[in-house]
């Protein structure tokens, strides 16, 4: 699934949670977190893979990756 690498991940520090929060803008509800930036990025990749697999298993359309523009 090479396209998994092309989804955008927003990784932001949360003072409240004291963790890095990951959001994938193209995939509604796809969020995760990590104690370090590296852990958050790894968790983000795993969340993307899981999200896509579930939606494909349900027969739902998976949005294509695109470049995030702030």
N, C-alpha and C. Protein backbone atom coordinates (compact mmCIF):
# COMPACT_ATOMS: atom_id res chain seq x y z
N UNK A 1 0.84 -1.19 0.00
CA UNK A 1 0.00 0.00 0.00
C UNK A 1 0.87 1.25 0.00
N UNK A 2 1.55 1.51 -1.07
CA UNK A 2 2.44 2.66 -1.15
C UNK A 2 1.74 3.99 -0.95
N UNK A 3 0.46 4.07 -1.30
CA UNK A 3 -0.24 5.34 -1.16
C UNK A 3 -0.37 5.76 0.30
N UNK A 4 -0.22 4.83 1.24
CA UNK A 4 -0.31 5.20 2.65
C UNK A 4 0.73 6.24 3.02
N UNK A 5 1.86 6.20 2.34
CA UNK A 5 2.93 7.13 2.66
C UNK A 5 2.63 8.55 2.19
N UNK A 6 1.61 8.72 1.39
CA UNK A 6 1.32 10.03 0.81
C UNK A 6 0.22 10.80 1.53
N UNK A 7 -0.35 10.25 2.58
CA UNK A 7 -1.34 11.00 3.36
C UNK A 7 -0.64 12.01 4.24
N UNK A 8 -1.27 13.14 4.44
CA UNK A 8 -0.72 14.19 5.31
C UNK A 8 -0.97 13.86 6.76
N UNK A 9 0.01 14.15 7.59
CA UNK A 9 -0.17 14.02 9.04
C UNK A 9 0.17 15.36 9.68
N UNK A 10 -0.77 15.89 10.45
CA UNK A 10 -0.49 17.07 11.25
C UNK A 10 -0.09 16.59 12.63
N UNK A 11 1.10 16.95 13.06
CA UNK A 11 1.59 16.53 14.37
C UNK A 11 1.80 17.79 15.20
N UNK A 12 1.02 17.90 16.28
CA UNK A 12 1.05 19.10 17.11
C UNK A 12 1.23 18.72 18.57
N UNK A 13 2.01 19.51 19.30
CA UNK A 13 2.20 19.30 20.72
C UNK A 13 0.96 19.79 21.48
N UNK A 14 0.49 19.00 22.43
CA UNK A 14 -0.64 19.38 23.28
C UNK A 14 -0.13 19.59 24.71
N UNK A 15 -0.14 20.84 25.14
CA UNK A 15 0.25 21.14 26.52
C UNK A 15 -0.67 20.44 27.50
N UNK A 16 -1.96 20.43 27.18
CA UNK A 16 -2.96 19.82 28.07
C UNK A 16 -2.70 18.34 28.27
N UNK A 17 -2.42 17.63 27.18
CA UNK A 17 -2.22 16.18 27.25
C UNK A 17 -0.76 15.79 27.48
N UNK A 18 0.14 16.74 27.26
CA UNK A 18 1.58 16.47 27.33
C UNK A 18 1.98 15.34 26.37
N UNK A 19 1.40 15.40 25.16
CA UNK A 19 1.67 14.41 24.11
C UNK A 19 1.60 15.12 22.76
N UNK A 20 2.17 14.47 21.76
CA UNK A 20 2.02 14.93 20.39
C UNK A 20 0.74 14.32 19.83
N UNK A 21 -0.12 15.16 19.28
CA UNK A 21 -1.40 14.72 18.73
C UNK A 21 -1.27 14.68 17.21
N UNK A 22 -1.71 13.58 16.61
CA UNK A 22 -1.63 13.38 15.16
C UNK A 22 -3.05 13.39 14.58
N UNK A 23 -3.23 14.18 13.53
CA UNK A 23 -4.49 14.22 12.80
C UNK A 23 -4.17 14.02 11.32
N UNK A 24 -4.99 13.20 10.65
CA UNK A 24 -4.83 12.96 9.21
C UNK A 24 -6.01 13.65 8.52
N UNK A 25 -5.77 14.84 7.92
CA UNK A 25 -6.87 15.64 7.38
C UNK A 25 -7.71 14.94 6.32
N UNK A 26 -7.10 14.08 5.50
CA UNK A 26 -7.86 13.42 4.43
C UNK A 26 -8.78 12.31 4.93
N UNK A 27 -8.53 11.82 6.14
CA UNK A 27 -9.28 10.66 6.65
C UNK A 27 -10.05 11.07 7.90
N UNK A 28 -11.33 11.37 7.76
CA UNK A 28 -12.14 11.84 8.88
C UNK A 28 -12.07 10.91 10.10
N UNK A 29 -11.77 11.49 11.24
CA UNK A 29 -11.72 10.72 12.48
C UNK A 29 -10.41 9.99 12.71
N UNK A 30 -9.46 10.08 11.79
CA UNK A 30 -8.19 9.38 11.93
C UNK A 30 -7.24 10.24 12.76
N UNK A 31 -7.15 9.94 14.04
CA UNK A 31 -6.28 10.66 14.96
C UNK A 31 -5.59 9.67 15.88
N UNK A 32 -4.46 10.08 16.41
CA UNK A 32 -3.72 9.26 17.37
C UNK A 32 -2.79 10.18 18.13
N UNK A 33 -1.87 9.62 18.89
CA UNK A 33 -0.94 10.45 19.66
C UNK A 33 0.32 9.66 19.98
N UNK A 34 1.32 10.36 20.52
CA UNK A 34 2.55 9.72 20.94
C UNK A 34 3.26 10.58 21.98
N UNK A 35 4.09 9.95 22.78
CA UNK A 35 4.84 10.69 23.81
C UNK A 35 5.99 11.48 23.21
N UNK A 36 6.52 11.02 22.08
CA UNK A 36 7.59 11.73 21.37
C UNK A 36 7.11 11.98 19.94
N UNK A 37 7.80 12.89 19.25
CA UNK A 37 7.44 13.18 17.87
C UNK A 37 7.57 11.92 17.01
N UNK A 38 8.67 11.19 17.20
CA UNK A 38 8.90 9.96 16.43
C UNK A 38 7.81 8.92 16.70
N UNK A 39 7.44 8.78 17.96
CA UNK A 39 6.38 7.82 18.30
C UNK A 39 5.06 8.26 17.69
N UNK A 40 4.78 9.55 17.70
CA UNK A 40 3.53 10.07 17.12
C UNK A 40 3.50 9.79 15.62
N UNK A 41 4.63 10.00 14.93
CA UNK A 41 4.68 9.73 13.49
C UNK A 41 4.44 8.25 13.21
N UNK A 42 5.05 7.38 14.00
CA UNK A 42 4.85 5.93 13.83
C UNK A 42 3.39 5.56 14.08
N UNK A 43 2.82 6.10 15.14
CA UNK A 43 1.41 5.84 15.45
C UNK A 43 0.51 6.37 14.33
N UNK A 44 0.89 7.50 13.75
CA UNK A 44 0.12 8.06 12.64
C UNK A 44 0.12 7.14 11.44
N UNK A 45 1.27 6.57 11.11
CA UNK A 45 1.35 5.63 9.99
C UNK A 45 0.48 4.40 10.25
N UNK A 46 0.51 3.90 11.47
CA UNK A 46 -0.31 2.74 11.82
C UNK A 46 -1.80 3.08 11.79
N UNK A 47 -2.15 4.29 12.24
CA UNK A 47 -3.56 4.71 12.22
C UNK A 47 -4.06 4.83 10.79
N UNK A 48 -3.24 5.37 9.90
CA UNK A 48 -3.62 5.48 8.49
C UNK A 48 -3.87 4.09 7.90
N UNK A 49 -2.94 3.18 8.13
CA UNK A 49 -3.08 1.83 7.60
C UNK A 49 -4.36 1.17 8.12
N UNK A 50 -4.63 1.30 9.41
CA UNK A 50 -5.84 0.70 9.99
C UNK A 50 -7.09 1.34 9.43
N UNK A 51 -7.11 2.66 9.33
CA UNK A 51 -8.28 3.39 8.83
C UNK A 51 -8.60 2.92 7.42
N UNK A 52 -7.58 2.88 6.56
CA UNK A 52 -7.79 2.49 5.16
C UNK A 52 -8.28 1.04 5.08
N UNK A 53 -7.68 0.14 5.85
CA UNK A 53 -8.09 -1.27 5.81
C UNK A 53 -9.55 -1.43 6.23
N UNK A 54 -9.95 -0.76 7.28
CA UNK A 54 -11.34 -0.86 7.76
C UNK A 54 -12.31 -0.35 6.71
N UNK A 55 -12.01 0.82 6.13
CA UNK A 55 -12.92 1.38 5.14
C UNK A 55 -13.00 0.50 3.90
N UNK A 56 -11.88 -0.07 3.49
CA UNK A 56 -11.91 -0.99 2.34
C UNK A 56 -12.71 -2.24 2.67
N UNK A 57 -12.52 -2.79 3.87
CA UNK A 57 -13.27 -3.98 4.29
C UNK A 57 -14.77 -3.71 4.32
N UNK A 58 -15.16 -2.48 4.66
CA UNK A 58 -16.58 -2.12 4.71
C UNK A 58 -17.13 -1.77 3.33
N UNK A 59 -16.24 -1.71 2.34
CA UNK A 59 -16.68 -1.38 0.99
C UNK A 59 -16.87 0.11 0.78
N UNK A 60 -16.37 0.91 1.71
CA UNK A 60 -16.49 2.37 1.59
C UNK A 60 -15.37 2.92 0.71
N UNK A 61 -15.61 4.09 0.17
CA UNK A 61 -14.62 4.75 -0.65
C UNK A 61 -13.55 5.39 0.23
N UNK A 62 -12.31 5.13 -0.10
CA UNK A 62 -11.18 5.70 0.64
C UNK A 62 -10.73 6.96 -0.11
N UNK A 63 -10.72 8.12 0.57
CA UNK A 63 -10.30 9.35 -0.09
C UNK A 63 -8.85 9.24 -0.57
N UNK A 64 -8.55 9.81 -1.72
CA UNK A 64 -7.18 9.77 -2.20
C UNK A 64 -6.30 10.71 -1.37
N UNK A 65 -5.01 10.39 -1.27
CA UNK A 65 -4.10 11.31 -0.57
C UNK A 65 -3.96 12.61 -1.36
N UNK A 66 -3.71 13.69 -0.66
CA UNK A 66 -3.39 14.95 -1.31
C UNK A 66 -2.45 15.76 -0.42
N UNK A 67 -1.89 16.79 -0.95
CA UNK A 67 -0.96 17.61 -0.18
C UNK A 67 -1.74 18.60 0.66
N UNK A 68 -1.45 18.64 1.95
CA UNK A 68 -2.11 19.56 2.86
C UNK A 68 -1.53 20.95 2.67
N UNK A 69 -2.41 21.94 2.59
CA UNK A 69 -2.00 23.33 2.49
C UNK A 69 -2.65 24.08 3.62
N UNK A 70 -1.85 24.71 4.46
CA UNK A 70 -2.38 25.44 5.63
C UNK A 70 -2.94 26.77 5.21
